[in-house]
N, C-alpha and C. Protein backbone atom coordinates (compact mmCIF):
# COMPACT_ATOMS: atom_id res chain seq x y z
N MET A 1 -16.38 -43.86 7.42
CA MET A 1 -15.90 -42.81 7.58
C MET A 1 -14.67 -42.05 6.98
N THR A 2 -13.97 -42.54 6.02
CA THR A 2 -13.11 -42.01 5.15
C THR A 2 -13.81 -41.39 4.08
N LYS A 3 -14.75 -42.11 3.74
CA LYS A 3 -15.39 -41.50 2.56
C LYS A 3 -15.98 -39.84 2.97
N ILE A 4 -16.78 -40.06 3.85
CA ILE A 4 -16.89 -38.67 4.51
C ILE A 4 -15.60 -37.75 4.72
N SER A 5 -14.97 -37.71 4.90
CA SER A 5 -13.16 -37.40 4.99
C SER A 5 -12.89 -36.92 3.90
N ILE A 6 -12.87 -37.54 3.11
CA ILE A 6 -12.46 -37.40 1.73
C ILE A 6 -12.92 -36.81 0.72
N SER A 7 -14.14 -36.75 0.97
CA SER A 7 -15.66 -36.17 0.07
C SER A 7 -15.53 -34.54 0.98
N LEU A 8 -15.11 -34.34 2.33
CA LEU A 8 -14.43 -32.68 3.20
C LEU A 8 -14.06 -32.32 2.85
N GLN A 9 -12.79 -32.61 2.70
CA GLN A 9 -11.14 -32.41 2.10
C GLN A 9 -11.18 -31.67 0.89
N PHE A 10 -11.95 -32.54 -0.61
CA PHE A 10 -12.13 -32.00 -1.62
C PHE A 10 -12.94 -30.58 -1.60
N ILE A 11 -13.93 -30.76 -1.42
CA ILE A 11 -15.35 -29.28 -0.38
C ILE A 11 -14.16 -28.14 -0.68
N ILE A 12 -13.40 -29.07 0.43
CA ILE A 12 -12.60 -27.81 1.24
C ILE A 12 -11.74 -26.96 0.23
N ILE A 13 -10.67 -27.64 -0.43
CA ILE A 13 -10.22 -27.53 -1.40
C ILE A 13 -10.39 -26.79 -2.58
N THR A 14 -11.48 -27.20 -3.31
CA THR A 14 -13.01 -26.78 -4.18
C THR A 14 -13.03 -25.71 -3.32
N ILE A 15 -13.56 -25.21 -3.07
CA ILE A 15 -13.39 -23.92 -1.68
C ILE A 15 -12.34 -22.70 -2.30
N CYS A 16 -11.68 -23.91 -1.63
CA CYS A 16 -10.81 -22.17 -1.49
C CYS A 16 -9.38 -22.41 -2.54
N PHE A 17 -9.73 -23.18 -3.39
CA PHE A 17 -9.09 -22.89 -5.15
C PHE A 17 -10.30 -21.71 -5.81
N PHE A 18 -11.38 -21.93 -6.03
CA PHE A 18 -12.75 -21.31 -7.25
C PHE A 18 -12.96 -19.89 -6.59
N VAL A 19 -12.81 -19.70 -5.02
CA VAL A 19 -13.68 -18.45 -4.00
C VAL A 19 -11.99 -17.56 -3.97
N PRO A 20 -12.72 -16.49 -4.62
CA PRO A 20 -10.78 -15.68 -4.63
C PRO A 20 -11.11 -15.30 -3.16
N CYS A 21 -9.53 -15.07 -2.68
CA CYS A 21 -9.35 -14.80 -1.40
C CYS A 21 -9.49 -13.40 -0.99
N VAL A 22 -10.13 -13.08 0.17
CA VAL A 22 -10.40 -11.87 0.58
C VAL A 22 -9.68 -11.67 1.11
N THR A 23 -8.56 -10.27 0.77
CA THR A 23 -7.61 -9.29 1.87
C THR A 23 -8.30 -8.29 1.89
N ASN A 24 -7.47 -8.47 3.42
CA ASN A 24 -8.23 -6.63 3.95
C ASN A 24 -7.64 -5.37 3.08
N SER A 25 -8.13 -4.87 2.69
CA SER A 25 -7.76 -4.02 2.43
C SER A 25 -8.77 -2.21 3.06
N GLU A 26 -7.93 -1.04 2.41
CA GLU A 26 -8.45 -0.31 3.41
C GLU A 26 -8.73 0.88 2.58
N THR A 27 -9.37 2.57 2.91
CA THR A 27 -9.78 3.28 1.89
C THR A 27 -8.84 4.35 1.94
N LEU A 28 -7.64 5.10 1.38
CA LEU A 28 -7.00 6.28 1.94
C LEU A 28 -7.81 7.76 1.54
N ILE A 29 -7.83 8.65 1.35
CA ILE A 29 -8.57 9.68 0.88
C ILE A 29 -7.72 10.65 0.94
N ILE A 30 -7.06 11.45 -0.02
CA ILE A 30 -5.98 12.84 -0.23
C ILE A 30 -7.28 14.02 -0.82
N TYR A 31 -7.16 14.81 0.45
CA TYR A 31 -7.51 15.80 0.41
C TYR A 31 -6.49 17.00 -0.27
N SER A 32 -7.61 18.28 -1.22
CA SER A 32 -6.94 19.10 -1.86
C SER A 32 -6.71 19.95 -0.64
N ASP A 33 -5.94 21.66 -0.77
CA ASP A 33 -5.48 22.40 -0.21
C ASP A 33 -6.85 23.26 0.40
N MET A 34 -7.60 22.96 -0.24
CA MET A 34 -9.63 23.56 0.08
C MET A 34 -9.99 22.30 0.89
N GLY A 35 -9.83 20.82 0.85
CA GLY A 35 -10.57 20.14 1.58
C GLY A 35 -11.70 19.19 1.09
N SER A 36 -11.36 19.35 -0.34
CA SER A 36 -12.56 18.61 -0.69
C SER A 36 -11.32 17.10 -1.46
N GLU A 37 -12.15 16.43 -1.32
CA GLU A 37 -11.24 14.64 -2.06
C GLU A 37 -11.47 15.16 -2.95
N THR A 38 -9.49 14.75 -3.35
CA THR A 38 -8.81 14.29 -5.10
C THR A 38 -8.60 13.03 -5.17
N CYS A 39 -8.48 12.28 -4.90
CA CYS A 39 -8.39 11.06 -5.13
C CYS A 39 -9.04 10.08 -3.40
N ARG A 40 -8.46 8.84 -4.25
CA ARG A 40 -9.62 7.87 -2.92
C ARG A 40 -8.33 6.35 -3.37
N PHE A 41 -7.40 5.94 -2.17
CA PHE A 41 -7.02 4.64 -2.87
C PHE A 41 -7.38 3.51 -2.19
N ASP A 42 -7.84 2.34 -2.89
CA ASP A 42 -7.84 0.72 -2.20
C ASP A 42 -6.55 0.27 -1.84
N VAL A 43 -6.51 0.59 -0.60
CA VAL A 43 -4.50 0.34 -0.21
C VAL A 43 -4.95 -0.49 0.80
N GLU A 44 -4.04 -1.80 0.73
CA GLU A 44 -3.41 -2.83 1.06
C GLU A 44 -2.71 -2.85 2.30
N PRO A 45 -3.11 -2.74 3.25
CA PRO A 45 -1.96 -2.84 5.09
C PRO A 45 -0.74 -3.51 4.61
N ALA A 46 0.04 -2.95 5.04
CA ALA A 46 0.55 -3.57 4.73
C ALA A 46 1.21 -3.66 6.82
N ILE A 47 1.46 -4.30 7.78
CA ILE A 47 1.91 -4.09 8.78
C ILE A 47 2.54 -4.74 9.64
N THR A 48 2.97 -6.46 9.12
CA THR A 48 4.20 -7.18 9.72
C THR A 48 5.32 -6.93 9.11
N HIS A 49 6.71 -7.31 9.85
CA HIS A 49 7.49 -7.16 9.34
C HIS A 49 7.69 -8.09 8.04
N GLU A 50 6.75 -8.90 7.37
CA GLU A 50 7.21 -9.71 6.71
C GLU A 50 6.05 -8.45 5.34
N GLU A 51 5.25 -8.53 5.61
CA GLU A 51 4.63 -7.91 4.58
C GLU A 51 5.33 -6.46 3.97
N GLN A 52 5.79 -5.38 5.34
CA GLN A 52 6.59 -4.59 4.86
C GLN A 52 8.00 -5.72 4.14
N ALA A 53 8.25 -6.00 3.98
CA ALA A 53 9.51 -6.79 3.69
C ALA A 53 9.24 -7.07 2.18
N ARG A 54 8.34 -7.64 2.13
CA ARG A 54 7.49 -8.29 0.90
C ARG A 54 7.20 -6.88 0.06
N GLY A 55 6.37 -6.31 0.79
CA GLY A 55 5.52 -4.94 -0.76
C GLY A 55 4.81 -4.94 -1.82
N LEU A 56 5.22 -4.52 -2.55
CA LEU A 56 5.02 -4.91 -3.72
C LEU A 56 5.81 -5.47 -4.89
N MET A 57 6.90 -6.78 -4.26
CA MET A 57 8.70 -7.17 -4.64
C MET A 57 7.47 -8.33 -5.34
N PHE A 58 7.76 -8.75 -6.96
CA PHE A 58 6.90 -9.86 -7.80
C PHE A 58 5.33 -9.40 -8.58
N ARG A 59 5.51 -8.09 -8.30
CA ARG A 59 3.99 -7.99 -8.76
C ARG A 59 4.25 -7.70 -10.24
N LYS A 60 3.22 -8.18 -10.49
CA LYS A 60 3.26 -7.56 -12.31
C LYS A 60 2.68 -6.54 -12.37
N SER A 61 1.84 -5.86 -11.72
CA SER A 61 0.51 -4.69 -11.94
C SER A 61 0.82 -3.53 -11.25
N LEU A 62 -0.66 -3.09 -11.07
CA LEU A 62 -1.18 -1.78 -9.92
C LEU A 62 -1.84 -0.85 -10.34
N ASP A 63 -3.16 -1.92 -9.97
CA ASP A 63 -4.08 -0.91 -10.77
C ASP A 63 -4.29 0.47 -9.96
N ASP A 64 -5.03 1.62 -11.55
CA ASP A 64 -4.84 3.02 -10.84
C ASP A 64 -4.95 3.56 -9.38
N LYS A 65 -6.02 2.68 -8.72
CA LYS A 65 -6.71 3.43 -7.72
C LYS A 65 -6.35 2.10 -6.74
N ALA A 66 -5.23 1.52 -6.41
CA ALA A 66 -4.64 0.73 -5.75
C ALA A 66 -3.51 1.28 -4.85
N GLY A 67 -3.33 0.81 -3.88
CA GLY A 67 -1.80 0.89 -3.48
C GLY A 67 -1.60 -0.17 -2.23
N MET A 68 -0.85 0.56 -2.28
CA MET A 68 0.41 -0.33 -0.73
C MET A 68 0.47 1.02 0.50
N PHE A 69 0.47 0.36 2.09
CA PHE A 69 0.10 1.09 3.02
C PHE A 69 0.80 0.47 3.92
N PHE A 70 1.78 0.59 4.65
CA PHE A 70 2.41 0.98 5.69
C PHE A 70 1.95 1.48 6.13
N ILE A 71 2.21 1.21 7.80
CA ILE A 71 1.84 0.70 8.88
C ILE A 71 2.63 0.33 10.14
N PHE A 72 3.58 1.54 10.57
CA PHE A 72 4.58 0.98 11.50
C PHE A 72 4.02 1.89 13.03
N GLN A 73 5.04 1.36 13.97
CA GLN A 73 4.77 1.49 15.36
C GLN A 73 4.60 2.94 15.43
N ARG A 74 5.54 3.42 15.23
CA ARG A 74 6.01 5.19 15.85
C ARG A 74 6.37 5.68 14.50
N GLU A 75 7.02 7.17 14.38
CA GLU A 75 7.39 8.13 13.81
C GLU A 75 8.33 8.41 13.74
N GLU A 76 9.23 7.66 12.55
CA GLU A 76 10.79 7.66 12.26
C GLU A 76 11.06 8.56 10.78
N LEU A 77 12.29 8.40 10.58
CA LEU A 77 12.66 8.44 9.26
C LEU A 77 12.71 6.75 8.54
N ARG A 78 12.10 6.77 7.16
CA ARG A 78 12.02 5.80 6.64
C ARG A 78 12.82 5.27 5.88
N HIS A 79 12.90 3.95 5.30
CA HIS A 79 14.06 3.74 4.24
C HIS A 79 13.60 2.58 2.68
N PHE A 80 13.58 3.12 2.47
CA PHE A 80 12.85 1.66 1.36
C PHE A 80 13.85 1.67 -0.75
N TRP A 81 13.21 0.97 -0.96
CA TRP A 81 14.23 0.26 -1.67
C TRP A 81 13.33 -0.08 -2.89
N MET A 82 13.72 -0.11 -4.35
CA MET A 82 12.92 -0.52 -5.34
C MET A 82 13.22 -2.48 -5.35
N LYS A 83 13.91 -2.97 -4.72
CA LYS A 83 14.12 -4.69 -5.13
C LYS A 83 13.16 -5.51 -5.32
N ASN A 84 13.33 -5.44 -6.57
CA ASN A 84 11.94 -7.08 -7.12
C ASN A 84 11.14 -6.17 -7.18
N THR A 85 10.75 -4.93 -7.89
CA THR A 85 9.41 -4.33 -8.29
C THR A 85 9.34 -3.66 -9.40
N LEU A 86 8.87 -4.82 -10.26
CA LEU A 86 8.44 -4.47 -11.77
C LEU A 86 8.74 -3.60 -12.15
N PHE A 87 7.46 -2.08 -11.62
CA PHE A 87 7.46 -1.14 -12.35
C PHE A 87 7.36 0.04 -11.00
N PRO A 88 7.59 1.40 -11.79
CA PRO A 88 7.87 2.17 -11.15
C PRO A 88 7.01 2.99 -10.35
N LEU A 89 7.12 3.82 -8.93
CA LEU A 89 6.17 3.57 -8.13
C LEU A 89 5.93 5.43 -7.01
N ASP A 90 5.57 5.58 -7.10
CA ASP A 90 5.59 7.11 -5.92
C ASP A 90 5.17 6.16 -4.58
N LEU A 91 5.88 6.91 -3.50
CA LEU A 91 6.11 6.86 -2.63
C LEU A 91 5.92 8.03 -1.15
N VAL A 92 5.05 7.74 -1.02
CA VAL A 92 4.23 9.21 -0.23
C VAL A 92 4.48 8.54 1.31
N PHE A 93 5.00 9.97 2.30
CA PHE A 93 5.78 9.29 3.50
C PHE A 93 4.69 10.35 4.23
N ILE A 94 4.35 9.69 5.07
CA ILE A 94 3.41 10.63 5.90
C ILE A 94 3.43 11.00 7.53
N ASP A 95 2.55 11.65 8.36
CA ASP A 95 3.51 11.72 9.41
C ASP A 95 1.82 11.37 10.81
N ASN A 96 2.21 11.22 12.14
CA ASN A 96 1.33 11.08 13.05
C ASN A 96 -0.12 10.83 12.62
N ASN A 97 -0.25 12.85 11.89
CA ASN A 97 -1.02 13.94 11.43
C ASN A 97 -1.76 13.03 10.50
N PHE A 98 -1.59 12.10 9.83
CA PHE A 98 -2.28 12.02 8.79
C PHE A 98 -1.80 13.46 7.62
N LEU A 99 -0.63 14.24 7.47
CA LEU A 99 0.24 14.67 6.59
C LEU A 99 1.36 14.18 5.66
N VAL A 100 1.01 14.35 4.63
CA VAL A 100 2.16 14.10 3.53
C VAL A 100 3.55 14.98 3.88
N VAL A 101 4.97 14.24 4.62
CA VAL A 101 5.79 15.15 4.93
C VAL A 101 6.52 14.64 3.68
N ASP A 102 6.43 13.95 2.97
CA ASP A 102 7.69 14.05 1.84
C ASP A 102 7.17 12.72 0.27
N ILE A 103 7.41 13.41 -0.26
CA ILE A 103 7.00 12.52 -1.61
C ILE A 103 8.80 12.09 -2.54
N HIS A 104 8.53 10.80 -2.89
CA HIS A 104 9.56 9.86 -3.69
C HIS A 104 8.87 10.12 -5.18
N LYS A 105 9.35 10.73 -5.77
CA LYS A 105 8.27 10.13 -7.42
C LYS A 105 9.02 10.07 -8.02
N ASN A 106 8.40 8.64 -8.49
CA ASN A 106 8.59 7.83 -9.77
C ASN A 106 10.38 6.50 -9.67
N ALA A 107 10.26 6.47 -8.69
CA ALA A 107 11.04 5.44 -8.31
C ALA A 107 11.34 4.26 -9.00
N LYS A 108 12.75 3.93 -9.59
CA LYS A 108 12.99 3.38 -10.36
C LYS A 108 12.01 1.65 -10.78
N PRO A 109 11.56 1.49 -11.46
CA PRO A 109 11.83 -0.45 -10.84
C PRO A 109 13.18 -1.29 -10.62
N LEU A 110 13.03 -2.02 -10.14
CA LEU A 110 13.60 -2.96 -9.53
C LEU A 110 15.73 -2.37 -9.13
N ASP A 111 15.39 -0.71 -8.66
CA ASP A 111 16.31 0.06 -8.03
C ASP A 111 17.04 -0.64 -6.52
N GLU A 112 18.01 -0.67 -6.18
CA GLU A 112 18.70 -1.35 -5.41
C GLU A 112 18.77 0.14 -4.34
N SER A 113 18.84 1.29 -4.87
CA SER A 113 19.73 2.57 -3.78
C SER A 113 18.43 2.60 -3.11
N ILE A 114 19.07 3.03 -2.34
CA ILE A 114 17.91 3.14 -0.64
C ILE A 114 17.30 4.96 -0.96
N ILE A 115 15.80 5.02 -0.31
CA ILE A 115 14.78 6.10 -0.81
C ILE A 115 14.01 6.52 0.87
N SER A 116 14.70 7.33 1.64
CA SER A 116 14.62 7.80 2.94
C SER A 116 13.71 9.06 2.48
N SER A 117 13.55 9.00 3.87
CA SER A 117 12.49 10.25 3.88
C SER A 117 13.31 11.31 4.44
N ARG A 118 12.39 12.53 4.57
CA ARG A 118 13.71 13.83 4.40
C ARG A 118 12.97 14.23 5.70
N LYS A 119 12.15 13.25 6.19
CA LYS A 119 11.46 13.86 7.89
C LYS A 119 10.52 12.57 8.35
N PRO A 120 10.87 12.59 9.34
CA PRO A 120 10.26 11.23 10.15
C PRO A 120 8.84 10.88 9.69
N ALA A 121 8.14 9.90 9.62
CA ALA A 121 7.01 9.63 9.17
C ALA A 121 6.33 8.32 9.34
N ARG A 122 5.37 7.88 10.02
CA ARG A 122 5.04 6.82 10.21
C ARG A 122 4.05 6.00 9.47
N TYR A 123 3.42 6.29 8.23
CA TYR A 123 3.04 5.76 7.32
C TYR A 123 3.41 5.66 5.52
N VAL A 124 3.95 4.89 4.83
CA VAL A 124 4.34 5.04 4.25
C VAL A 124 3.22 4.19 2.90
N LEU A 125 2.64 5.51 1.51
CA LEU A 125 1.95 4.96 0.51
C LEU A 125 2.72 4.66 -0.55
N GLU A 126 3.06 3.76 -1.09
CA GLU A 126 2.75 2.85 -2.32
C GLU A 126 2.24 3.13 -3.47
N ILE A 127 2.27 4.24 -4.63
CA ILE A 127 1.12 4.00 -5.31
C ILE A 127 1.76 3.84 -6.94
N LYS A 128 1.02 3.83 -7.97
CA LYS A 128 1.89 3.80 -9.20
C LYS A 128 2.42 5.51 -9.05
N ALA A 129 3.59 5.50 -9.89
CA ALA A 129 4.18 6.57 -10.31
C ALA A 129 3.37 7.70 -11.77
N GLY A 130 3.60 8.51 -11.02
CA GLY A 130 2.58 9.72 -11.06
C GLY A 130 1.28 10.19 -11.10
N LYS A 131 0.80 8.90 -10.01
CA LYS A 131 -0.48 9.47 -9.03
C LYS A 131 -0.23 10.38 -8.10
N ALA A 132 0.90 10.53 -7.78
CA ALA A 132 1.12 11.84 -6.48
C ALA A 132 1.16 13.28 -7.17
N ASP A 133 0.67 13.03 -8.49
CA ASP A 133 0.96 14.64 -9.50
C ASP A 133 -0.54 14.66 -9.48
N LYS A 134 -0.76 13.62 -10.45
CA LYS A 134 -2.25 13.54 -10.93
C LYS A 134 -3.38 14.05 -9.96
N CYS A 135 -3.13 13.06 -8.31
CA CYS A 135 -4.05 14.04 -7.10
C CYS A 135 -3.15 14.97 -7.02
N ARG A 136 -2.29 15.68 -7.12
CA ARG A 136 -2.38 16.97 -6.01
C ARG A 136 -1.77 17.38 -4.86
N MET A 137 -0.80 15.80 -4.78
CA MET A 137 -0.21 15.30 -3.49
C MET A 137 1.36 16.68 -3.03
N ARG A 138 1.27 16.59 -2.24
CA ARG A 138 2.33 17.87 -1.57
C ARG A 138 2.30 17.70 -0.35
N ASN A 139 3.97 18.27 0.34
CA ASN A 139 3.98 18.35 1.81
C ASN A 139 2.96 19.25 2.57
N GLY A 140 2.10 18.52 3.49
CA GLY A 140 0.90 19.32 4.17
C GLY A 140 -0.78 19.10 3.46
N THR A 141 -0.12 18.26 2.02
CA THR A 141 -1.76 17.41 2.14
C THR A 141 -1.98 16.45 2.95
N LYS A 142 -3.22 16.54 3.89
CA LYS A 142 -3.55 16.02 4.27
C LYS A 142 -4.58 14.51 4.01
N THR A 143 -4.40 13.57 4.53
CA THR A 143 -4.85 11.91 3.80
C THR A 143 -5.66 11.89 5.09
N LYS A 144 -6.73 10.59 5.03
CA LYS A 144 -7.46 10.12 5.58
C LYS A 144 -7.97 8.38 5.32
N LEU A 145 -7.24 7.46 6.82
CA LEU A 145 -7.65 6.32 6.38
C LEU A 145 -8.89 5.85 6.84
N LEU A 146 -9.74 5.10 5.80
CA LEU A 146 -11.19 4.23 5.79
C LEU A 146 -10.63 2.71 6.41
N LYS A 147 -11.17 2.21 7.26
CA LYS A 147 -11.21 1.22 7.24
C LYS A 147 -13.28 -0.21 6.72
N ASN A 148 -12.28 -0.51 5.65
CA ASN A 148 -13.24 -1.30 5.42
C ASN A 148 -13.43 -2.63 6.10
N SER A 149 -14.54 -2.74 6.44
CA SER A 149 -15.05 -3.78 7.28
C SER A 149 -15.19 -5.24 5.94
N PHE A 150 -14.57 -6.65 5.95
CA PHE A 150 -15.38 -7.82 5.01
C PHE A 150 -16.40 -8.63 5.40
């Protein structure tokens, strides 16, 4: 019986070690003023307090088409910092209607200064610095969140 138990434990550990972890991811679409899609990001949702506190801290890089999407309970002024974040980011603040209400571009790595939204936001998108401009984002830009299922 113990040989079976040890073998089963070995198999489980091997699977967990060699099979890549599947994380929940969603897609955020950015639209132009004319209504056409300009960019698409695969975003990692940050929903729990722990996920939101950790954010992108200690990560070494971020793919051009990736981001972190913070989802809060209600719309209010949002406050972020770049503590332990190793690369520059654009922070895009989004309201209940999925409209961009503020953008903080090129936030400096490791900076502990507070970055606050100028208007209430329910969602915050963190993407690589420069992507907000490349996607032609501005206040009023429409976004849409697609939930991916795995």
